[in-house]
Protein backbone atom coordinates (compact mmCIF):
# COMPACT_ATOMS: atom_id res chain seq x y z
CA UNK A 1 100.23 81.22 115.44
CA UNK A 2 99.23 84.76 114.44
CA UNK A 3 102.51 86.25 115.68
CA UNK A 4 104.47 83.62 113.78
CA UNK A 5 102.50 84.20 110.56
CA UNK A 6 102.94 87.98 110.80
CA UNK A 7 106.67 87.61 111.40
CA UNK A 8 107.04 85.37 108.34
CA UNK A 9 105.03 87.71 106.10
CA UNK A 10 106.92 90.77 107.33
CA UNK A 11 110.29 89.01 106.88
CA UNK A 12 111.22 89.55 110.52
CA UNK A 13 114.13 87.75 112.12
CA UNK A 14 113.99 85.94 115.44
CA UNK A 15 111.22 83.51 114.56
CA UNK A 16 112.95 80.53 116.15
CA UNK A 17 111.20 80.71 119.55
CA UNK A 18 107.81 81.14 117.86
CA UNK A 19 108.51 78.25 115.49
CA UNK A 20 109.75 75.97 118.27
CA UNK A 21 106.62 76.70 120.29
CA UNK A 22 104.38 75.81 117.33
CA UNK A 23 106.35 72.63 116.62
CA UNK A 24 105.96 71.53 120.24
CA UNK A 25 102.19 72.07 120.03
CA UNK A 26 101.32 70.97 116.48
CA UNK A 27 104.35 69.03 115.23
CA UNK A 28 106.87 69.68 112.48
CA UNK A 29 104.59 68.59 109.62
CA UNK A 30 101.85 71.03 110.63
CA UNK A 31 104.32 73.92 110.82
CA UNK A 32 105.61 73.01 107.35
CA UNK A 33 102.01 73.13 106.07
CA UNK A 34 101.69 76.58 107.62
CA UNK A 35 104.80 77.71 105.71
CA UNK A 36 103.23 76.40 102.51
CA UNK A 37 99.92 78.18 103.19
CA UNK A 38 101.71 81.45 103.96
CA UNK A 39 103.78 81.16 100.77
CA UNK A 40 100.81 80.38 98.52
CA UNK A 41 98.82 83.37 99.79
CA UNK A 42 101.68 85.63 98.72
CA UNK A 43 102.04 84.09 95.26
CA UNK A 44 98.88 85.22 93.47
CA UNK A 45 98.98 88.94 94.35
CA UNK A 46 102.64 89.04 93.33
CA UNK A 47 101.91 87.17 90.10
CA UNK A 48 99.01 89.50 89.22
CA UNK A 49 101.23 92.54 89.73
CA UNK A 50 103.84 90.97 87.50
CA UNK A 51 101.45 90.38 84.60
CA UNK A 52 99.81 93.79 84.92
CA UNK A 53 96.43 92.83 86.39
CA UNK A 54 96.90 94.43 89.79
CA UNK A 55 94.28 96.96 90.79
CA UNK A 56 93.90 98.88 94.01
CA UNK A 57 90.94 98.11 96.21
CA UNK A 58 88.72 100.78 97.64
CA UNK A 59 85.68 100.84 99.87
CA UNK A 60 82.39 101.42 98.12
CA UNK A 61 79.73 103.40 99.98
CA UNK A 62 76.22 102.00 99.57
CA UNK A 63 73.14 104.05 100.27
CA UNK A 64 70.55 101.74 101.76
């Protein structure tokens, strides 16, 4: 599942064997839901960049 998700996000080709394996385990409907989840997670960061509200993230050091 992780390899398939990474290949979709990175726009890699050759996903057919990974997809077929997931369909055999979870079914076609579940794999379609995975596609939807992957797509939605990419929407909001892209949308924020488009409207100018994108900021870089950085680690904050806390002294405890």
